[in-house]
């Protein structure tokens, strides 16, 4: 018996094993085989979660037993969301100034709004990569994005804020920080008390609630698919509500993977509660944007934030 014929006769194979000293008690029962396969699958899943930094490496078995790990299908959903977000960061603005001309650091409300244009373009790009968004009509797509415009800008700001460097900068832009980052001091001078409130929200999410990038991205998607946005059609509202429920479920499952069950149950409602806080903050920033000079604001931002009465539908054009 050799490698080429060992599977032809199980009886002969078993006899050969006994002949070379295998013990009968080493033969696994069907239940033991299933448990072994389950253990192999779990180890594979754990390695995948560790590779995506969704689970600490070498977590003790006692602590691992307290986690409710994502399934393979759920992990694929999280990976898809993260890949879509990362891909959206490749979106760049067209040149705004002639070569060699230095653009002044943003210090006014108009500059603050224009700085957010890249964030808006990346939110639009991210949305177009999501299957639930692609299922919507053009009218509902515009309603969803414009209805949540300021909330999405602010939440992306929370994700991109670098507390060590005291600046707003997406991970993909590290090599272009000089031209694409906004200094925290400039932001606070332009946004005032509203800016300080946003930084407190960011600190509360990142430190108080231990919200890392995957958690914040899923929270952003739950915010994007808010079914109470004005001007949504009835059909669109139903699709949006289903999408939001799916991302909220995925967020809860991610928390149960990252934290012991009791801690996950505490964090989940607190994170969703931050969406209500975000809406209160959104009203402050809308008031701030209302003080901007629409003639100094770029067309996409003016239309996206309704800063002018009549303008081409730049949002629809981007979609």
Protein backbone atom coordinates (compact mmCIF):
# COMPACT_ATOMS: atom_id res chain seq x y z
CA UNK A 1 0.00 0.00 0.00
CA UNK A 2 1.35 3.43 -0.94
CA UNK A 3 0.14 7.00 -1.58
CA UNK A 4 -1.25 6.10 -5.01
CA UNK A 5 -3.59 3.33 -3.81
CA UNK A 6 -4.20 3.94 -0.11
CA UNK A 7 -7.77 5.15 -0.64
CA UNK A 8 -8.87 2.21 -2.82
CA UNK A 9 -9.59 -0.17 0.09
CA UNK A 10 -10.33 1.27 3.53
CA UNK A 11 -10.21 -2.21 5.09
CA UNK A 12 -6.68 -2.84 3.80
CA UNK A 13 -5.61 0.63 4.88
CA UNK A 14 -6.94 0.09 8.41
CA UNK A 15 -5.23 -3.31 8.65
CA UNK A 16 -1.95 -1.79 7.52
CA UNK A 17 -2.29 0.91 10.21
CA UNK A 18 -2.84 -1.71 12.90
CA UNK A 19 0.16 -3.67 11.57
CA UNK A 20 2.48 -0.70 12.10
CA UNK A 21 1.23 -0.13 15.67
CA UNK A 22 -1.80 2.17 15.55
CA UNK A 23 -4.09 1.83 18.57
CA UNK A 24 -7.82 1.25 18.04
CA UNK A 25 -8.68 3.95 20.55
CA UNK A 26 -7.00 6.50 18.26
CA UNK A 27 -9.83 6.13 15.74
CA UNK A 28 -12.14 9.16 16.01
CA UNK A 29 -15.89 8.78 16.21
CA UNK A 30 -18.07 10.82 13.86
CA UNK A 31 -18.80 13.28 16.68
CA UNK A 32 -15.10 13.63 17.43
CA UNK A 33 -14.41 14.20 13.73
CA UNK A 34 -17.03 16.96 13.63
CA UNK A 35 -15.56 18.59 16.73
CA UNK A 36 -12.08 18.42 15.19
CA UNK A 37 -13.30 20.01 11.95
CA UNK A 38 -15.11 22.68 13.97
CA UNK A 39 -11.90 23.44 15.87
CA UNK A 40 -9.92 23.68 12.63
CA UNK A 41 -12.51 26.04 11.13
CA UNK A 42 -12.50 28.19 14.28
CA UNK A 43 -8.71 28.43 14.28
CA UNK A 44 -8.81 29.50 10.65
CA UNK A 45 -11.45 32.14 11.46
CA UNK A 46 -9.44 33.40 14.43
CA UNK A 47 -6.35 33.80 12.23
CA UNK A 48 -8.41 35.78 9.69
CA UNK A 49 -9.80 38.03 12.43
CA UNK A 50 -6.32 38.59 13.84
CA UNK A 51 -4.97 39.43 10.38
CA UNK A 52 -7.65 42.13 10.01
CA UNK A 53 -6.92 43.35 13.56
CA UNK A 54 -10.49 42.58 14.57
CA UNK A 55 -9.27 40.32 17.38
CA UNK A 56 -6.16 40.62 19.59
CA UNK A 57 -3.45 38.13 18.73
CA UNK A 58 -2.85 35.14 20.99
CA UNK A 59 -5.97 35.78 23.04
CA UNK A 60 -6.07 33.28 25.97
CA UNK A 61 -8.58 30.47 25.51
CA UNK A 62 -10.60 31.62 28.54
CA UNK A 63 -11.03 35.10 27.03
CA UNK A 64 -11.70 33.75 23.55
CA UNK A 65 -14.55 31.69 24.98
CA UNK A 66 -16.22 34.94 26.06
CA UNK A 67 -16.31 36.29 22.49
CA UNK A 68 -19.06 35.61 19.96
CA UNK A 69 -16.96 35.51 16.80
CA UNK A 70 -18.15 36.77 13.45
CA UNK A 71 -19.09 34.04 11.01
CA UNK A 72 -17.16 33.69 7.76
CA UNK A 73 -20.05 35.35 5.91
CA UNK A 74 -20.13 38.26 8.37
CA UNK A 75 -16.37 38.64 8.18
CA UNK A 76 -16.68 38.88 4.40
CA UNK A 77 -19.24 41.70 4.85
CA UNK A 78 -16.92 43.60 7.18
CA UNK A 79 -14.00 43.09 4.80
CA UNK A 80 -16.11 44.36 1.89
CA UNK A 81 -17.10 47.49 3.85
CA UNK A 82 -13.50 48.19 4.84
CA UNK A 83 -12.22 47.60 1.29
CA UNK A 84 -14.87 49.97 -0.08
CA UNK A 85 -13.89 52.65 2.42
CA UNK A 86 -10.18 52.23 1.66
CA UNK A 87 -10.86 52.37 -2.09
CA UNK A 88 -12.87 55.58 -1.66
CA UNK A 89 -9.79 57.22 -0.14
CA UNK A 90 -8.12 56.98 -3.55
CA UNK A 91 -10.57 59.62 -4.79
CA UNK A 92 -8.77 62.97 -5.22
CA UNK A 93 -9.75 66.53 -5.99
CA UNK A 94 -8.90 68.11 -9.33
CA UNK A 95 -6.19 70.80 -9.06
CA UNK A 96 -7.66 73.96 -7.54
CA UNK A 97 -4.72 76.31 -8.04
CA UNK A 98 -2.16 76.89 -10.82
CA UNK A 99 1.14 75.00 -10.39
CA UNK A 100 3.53 76.80 -8.07
CA UNK A 101 0.82 78.82 -6.35
CA UNK A 102 0.69 78.18 -2.61
CA UNK A 103 -2.78 77.81 -1.13
CA UNK A 104 -3.23 79.55 2.22
CA UNK A 105 -4.08 77.47 5.26
CA UNK A 106 -7.84 77.25 5.86
CA UNK A 107 -8.88 79.70 8.56
CA UNK A 108 -12.38 80.90 7.61
CA UNK A 109 -15.79 79.25 7.39
CA UNK A 110 -15.62 79.30 3.59
CA UNK A 111 -12.23 77.58 3.66
CA UNK A 112 -13.54 75.05 6.18
CA UNK A 113 -16.42 74.13 3.87
CA UNK A 114 -14.17 73.91 0.82
CA UNK A 115 -11.73 71.70 2.74
CA UNK A 116 -14.59 69.23 3.32
CA UNK A 117 -15.12 68.82 -0.45
CA UNK A 118 -12.65 65.93 -0.62
CA UNK A 119 -14.54 64.22 2.22
CA UNK A 120 -17.82 64.66 0.32
CA UNK A 121 -16.35 63.21 -2.88
CA UNK A 122 -15.09 60.21 -0.92
CA UNK A 123 -18.47 59.68 0.74
CA UNK A 124 -20.10 59.70 -2.69
CA UNK A 125 -17.48 57.29 -4.04
CA UNK A 126 -17.95 54.99 -1.02
CA UNK A 127 -21.74 55.03 -1.47
CA UNK A 128 -21.50 54.01 -5.10
CA UNK A 129 -19.50 50.92 -4.08
CA UNK A 130 -22.27 49.66 -1.75
CA UNK A 131 -24.87 47.28 -3.17
CA UNK A 132 -27.79 48.66 -1.09
CA UNK A 133 -27.05 52.15 -2.41
CA UNK A 134 -26.89 50.95 -6.02
CA UNK A 135 -30.39 49.51 -5.65
CA UNK A 136 -31.86 52.99 -5.03
CA UNK A 137 -33.30 55.28 -7.66
CA UNK A 138 -31.29 58.36 -8.66
CA UNK A 139 -33.73 60.56 -6.74
CA UNK A 140 -33.36 58.50 -3.57
CA UNK A 141 -29.57 58.46 -3.87
CA UNK A 142 -29.48 62.25 -3.95
CA UNK A 143 -32.00 62.50 -1.11
CA UNK A 144 -29.96 60.13 1.05
CA UNK A 145 -26.67 61.95 0.52
CA UNK A 146 -27.98 65.51 0.77
CA UNK A 147 -30.20 64.68 3.75
CA UNK A 148 -27.23 63.38 5.72
CA UNK A 149 -24.56 65.62 4.19
CA UNK A 150 -23.30 67.36 7.31
CA UNK A 151 -23.55 64.27 9.55
CA UNK A 152 -21.48 62.24 7.08
CA UNK A 153 -18.86 64.98 6.80
CA UNK A 154 -18.57 65.19 10.58
CA UNK A 155 -18.37 61.44 11.11
CA UNK A 156 -15.70 61.14 8.43
CA UNK A 157 -13.87 63.87 10.33
CA UNK A 158 -13.95 61.68 13.44
CA UNK A 159 -12.45 58.80 11.42
CA UNK A 160 -9.73 60.93 9.81
CA UNK A 161 -8.73 62.96 12.88
CA UNK A 162 -5.18 62.23 14.00
CA UNK A 163 -4.88 63.21 17.68
CA UNK A 164 -1.11 62.73 17.70
CA UNK A 165 -0.58 65.09 14.78
CA UNK A 166 -3.56 67.32 15.77
CA UNK A 167 -4.87 67.29 12.20
CA UNK A 168 -7.52 65.85 9.91
CA UNK A 169 -5.94 63.46 7.40
CA UNK A 170 -7.08 60.19 5.81
CA UNK A 171 -4.68 57.25 6.08
CA UNK A 172 -4.20 57.16 2.30
CA UNK A 173 -2.99 60.78 2.24
CA UNK A 174 -0.04 60.46 4.62
CA UNK A 175 2.49 61.13 1.83
CA UNK A 176 0.58 64.29 0.81
CA UNK A 177 -0.04 65.60 4.32
CA UNK A 178 1.35 69.05 3.58
CA UNK A 179 -1.33 69.79 0.99
CA UNK A 180 -4.27 67.68 2.19
CA UNK A 181 -4.22 67.89 5.98
CA UNK A 182 -6.10 70.48 8.02
CA UNK A 183 -4.37 71.60 11.18
CA UNK A 184 -6.49 71.19 14.31
CA UNK A 185 -5.76 74.78 15.32
CA UNK A 186 -7.03 76.11 11.97
CA UNK A 187 -10.13 73.97 12.34
CA UNK A 188 -10.90 75.30 15.81
CA UNK A 189 -10.37 78.90 14.70
CA UNK A 190 -12.85 78.43 11.86
CA UNK A 191 -15.40 76.26 13.69
CA UNK A 192 -15.17 77.71 17.21
CA UNK A 193 -17.30 76.03 19.88
CA UNK A 194 -18.80 73.64 17.30
CA UNK A 195 -15.31 72.44 16.43
CA UNK A 196 -14.50 71.81 20.08
CA UNK A 197 -17.74 69.79 20.39
CA UNK A 198 -16.71 67.65 17.40
CA UNK A 199 -13.31 66.91 18.94
CA UNK A 200 -15.01 65.92 22.20
CA UNK A 201 -17.28 63.59 20.21
CA UNK A 202 -14.22 62.08 18.51
CA UNK A 203 -12.46 61.57 21.85
CA UNK A 204 -15.57 59.99 23.36
CA UNK A 205 -15.93 57.56 20.48
CA UNK A 206 -12.29 56.61 20.14
CA UNK A 207 -11.28 56.42 23.76
CA UNK A 208 -14.39 56.24 25.92
CA UNK A 209 -16.10 53.71 23.64
CA UNK A 210 -12.96 52.14 22.14
CA UNK A 211 -14.26 52.68 18.61
CA UNK A 212 -11.53 51.79 16.11
CA UNK A 213 -11.60 52.29 12.34
CA UNK A 214 -13.77 49.22 11.45
CA UNK A 215 -16.28 50.18 14.16
CA UNK A 216 -16.44 53.78 12.96
CA UNK A 217 -16.79 52.78 9.31
CA UNK A 218 -19.80 50.58 10.13
CA UNK A 219 -21.25 53.41 12.21
CA UNK A 220 -20.79 55.71 9.20
CA UNK A 221 -22.69 53.26 6.99
CA UNK A 222 -25.50 53.04 9.56
CA UNK A 223 -25.61 56.86 9.50
CA UNK A 224 -25.61 56.97 5.69
CA UNK A 225 -28.61 54.64 5.45
CA UNK A 226 -30.97 56.65 7.67
CA UNK A 227 -34.57 56.01 6.57
CA UNK A 228 -35.87 59.32 7.97
CA UNK A 229 -34.07 61.47 5.40
CA UNK A 230 -36.42 63.98 3.73
CA UNK A 231 -37.53 63.39 0.13
CA UNK A 232 -36.98 59.62 0.16
CA UNK A 233 -39.65 57.70 -1.76
CA UNK A 234 -41.65 55.06 0.08
CA UNK A 235 -39.88 52.30 -1.83
CA UNK A 236 -36.51 53.88 -1.18
CA UNK A 237 -37.27 54.31 2.50
CA UNK A 238 -37.94 50.59 2.82
CA UNK A 239 -34.67 49.70 1.09
CA UNK A 240 -32.73 52.15 3.23
CA UNK A 241 -34.29 50.86 6.45
CA UNK A 242 -33.32 47.30 5.53
CA UNK A 243 -29.75 48.38 4.72
CA UNK A 244 -29.39 50.28 8.00
CA UNK A 245 -30.66 47.28 10.00
CA UNK A 246 -28.05 45.11 8.25
CA UNK A 247 -25.16 47.44 9.07
CA UNK A 248 -26.35 47.86 12.67
CA UNK A 249 -26.49 44.08 13.03
CA UNK A 250 -22.99 43.80 11.61
CA UNK A 251 -21.77 46.50 14.00
CA UNK A 252 -23.22 44.63 16.98
CA UNK A 253 -21.65 41.35 15.82
CA UNK A 254 -18.28 43.09 15.41
CA UNK A 255 -18.49 44.41 18.97
CA UNK A 256 -19.29 40.92 20.28
CA UNK A 257 -16.15 39.68 18.51
CA UNK A 258 -13.91 42.45 19.79
CA UNK A 259 -15.20 42.54 23.36
CA UNK A 260 -16.59 40.17 25.99
CA UNK A 261 -20.38 39.83 25.74
CA UNK A 262 -21.21 42.11 28.69
CA UNK A 263 -18.92 44.88 27.39
CA UNK A 264 -20.35 44.56 23.86
CA UNK A 265 -23.90 44.88 25.21
CA UNK A 266 -22.86 48.09 26.99
CA UNK A 267 -21.04 49.63 24.02
CA UNK A 268 -23.59 48.94 21.27
CA UNK A 269 -26.41 51.26 22.48
CA UNK A 270 -23.83 53.89 23.44
CA UNK A 271 -22.43 53.91 19.90
CA UNK A 272 -25.88 54.20 18.34
CA UNK A 273 -26.64 56.98 20.81
CA UNK A 274 -23.75 58.93 19.32
CA UNK A 275 -25.72 59.17 16.07
CA UNK A 276 -28.30 61.24 17.96
CA UNK A 277 -25.49 63.36 19.39
CA UNK A 278 -24.13 63.72 15.86
CA UNK A 279 -27.47 65.14 14.72
CA UNK A 280 -27.41 67.77 17.45
CA UNK A 281 -23.89 68.68 16.40
CA UNK A 282 -24.98 68.71 12.76
CA UNK A 283 -27.46 71.52 13.52
CA UNK A 284 -24.64 73.62 14.96
CA UNK A 285 -22.49 73.14 11.87
CA UNK A 286 -25.40 73.86 9.54
CA UNK A 287 -25.80 77.18 11.35
CA UNK A 288 -22.07 77.77 10.96
CA UNK A 289 -22.25 76.97 7.23
CA UNK A 290 -25.12 79.41 6.87
CA UNK A 291 -22.66 82.23 7.63
CA UNK A 292 -20.52 81.31 4.64
CA UNK A 293 -20.32 83.42 1.51
CA UNK A 294 -21.78 81.13 -1.17
CA UNK A 295 -19.74 82.93 -3.85
CA UNK A 296 -16.55 81.69 -2.18
CA UNK A 297 -17.77 78.13 -1.74
CA UNK A 298 -17.09 75.61 -4.49
CA UNK A 299 -20.14 74.50 -6.52
CA UNK A 300 -20.36 70.93 -5.20
CA UNK A 301 -20.29 72.05 -1.58
CA UNK A 302 -22.71 74.90 -2.17
CA UNK A 303 -25.20 72.50 -3.75
CA UNK A 304 -24.53 69.66 -1.32
CA UNK A 305 -25.20 71.91 1.70
CA UNK A 306 -27.94 74.00 0.03
CA UNK A 307 -25.93 77.21 0.32
CA UNK A 308 -27.42 78.67 -2.86
CA UNK A 309 -30.94 78.74 -4.20
CA UNK A 310 -30.28 77.82 -7.80
CA UNK A 311 -27.37 75.72 -8.95
CA UNK A 312 -26.68 72.73 -11.18
CA UNK A 313 -27.31 69.46 -9.34
CA UNK A 314 -23.66 68.68 -8.65
CA UNK A 315 -24.53 65.76 -6.36
CA UNK A 316 -26.53 64.02 -9.07
CA UNK A 317 -23.72 64.66 -11.54
CA UNK A 318 -21.24 62.90 -9.24
CA UNK A 319 -23.58 59.90 -8.97
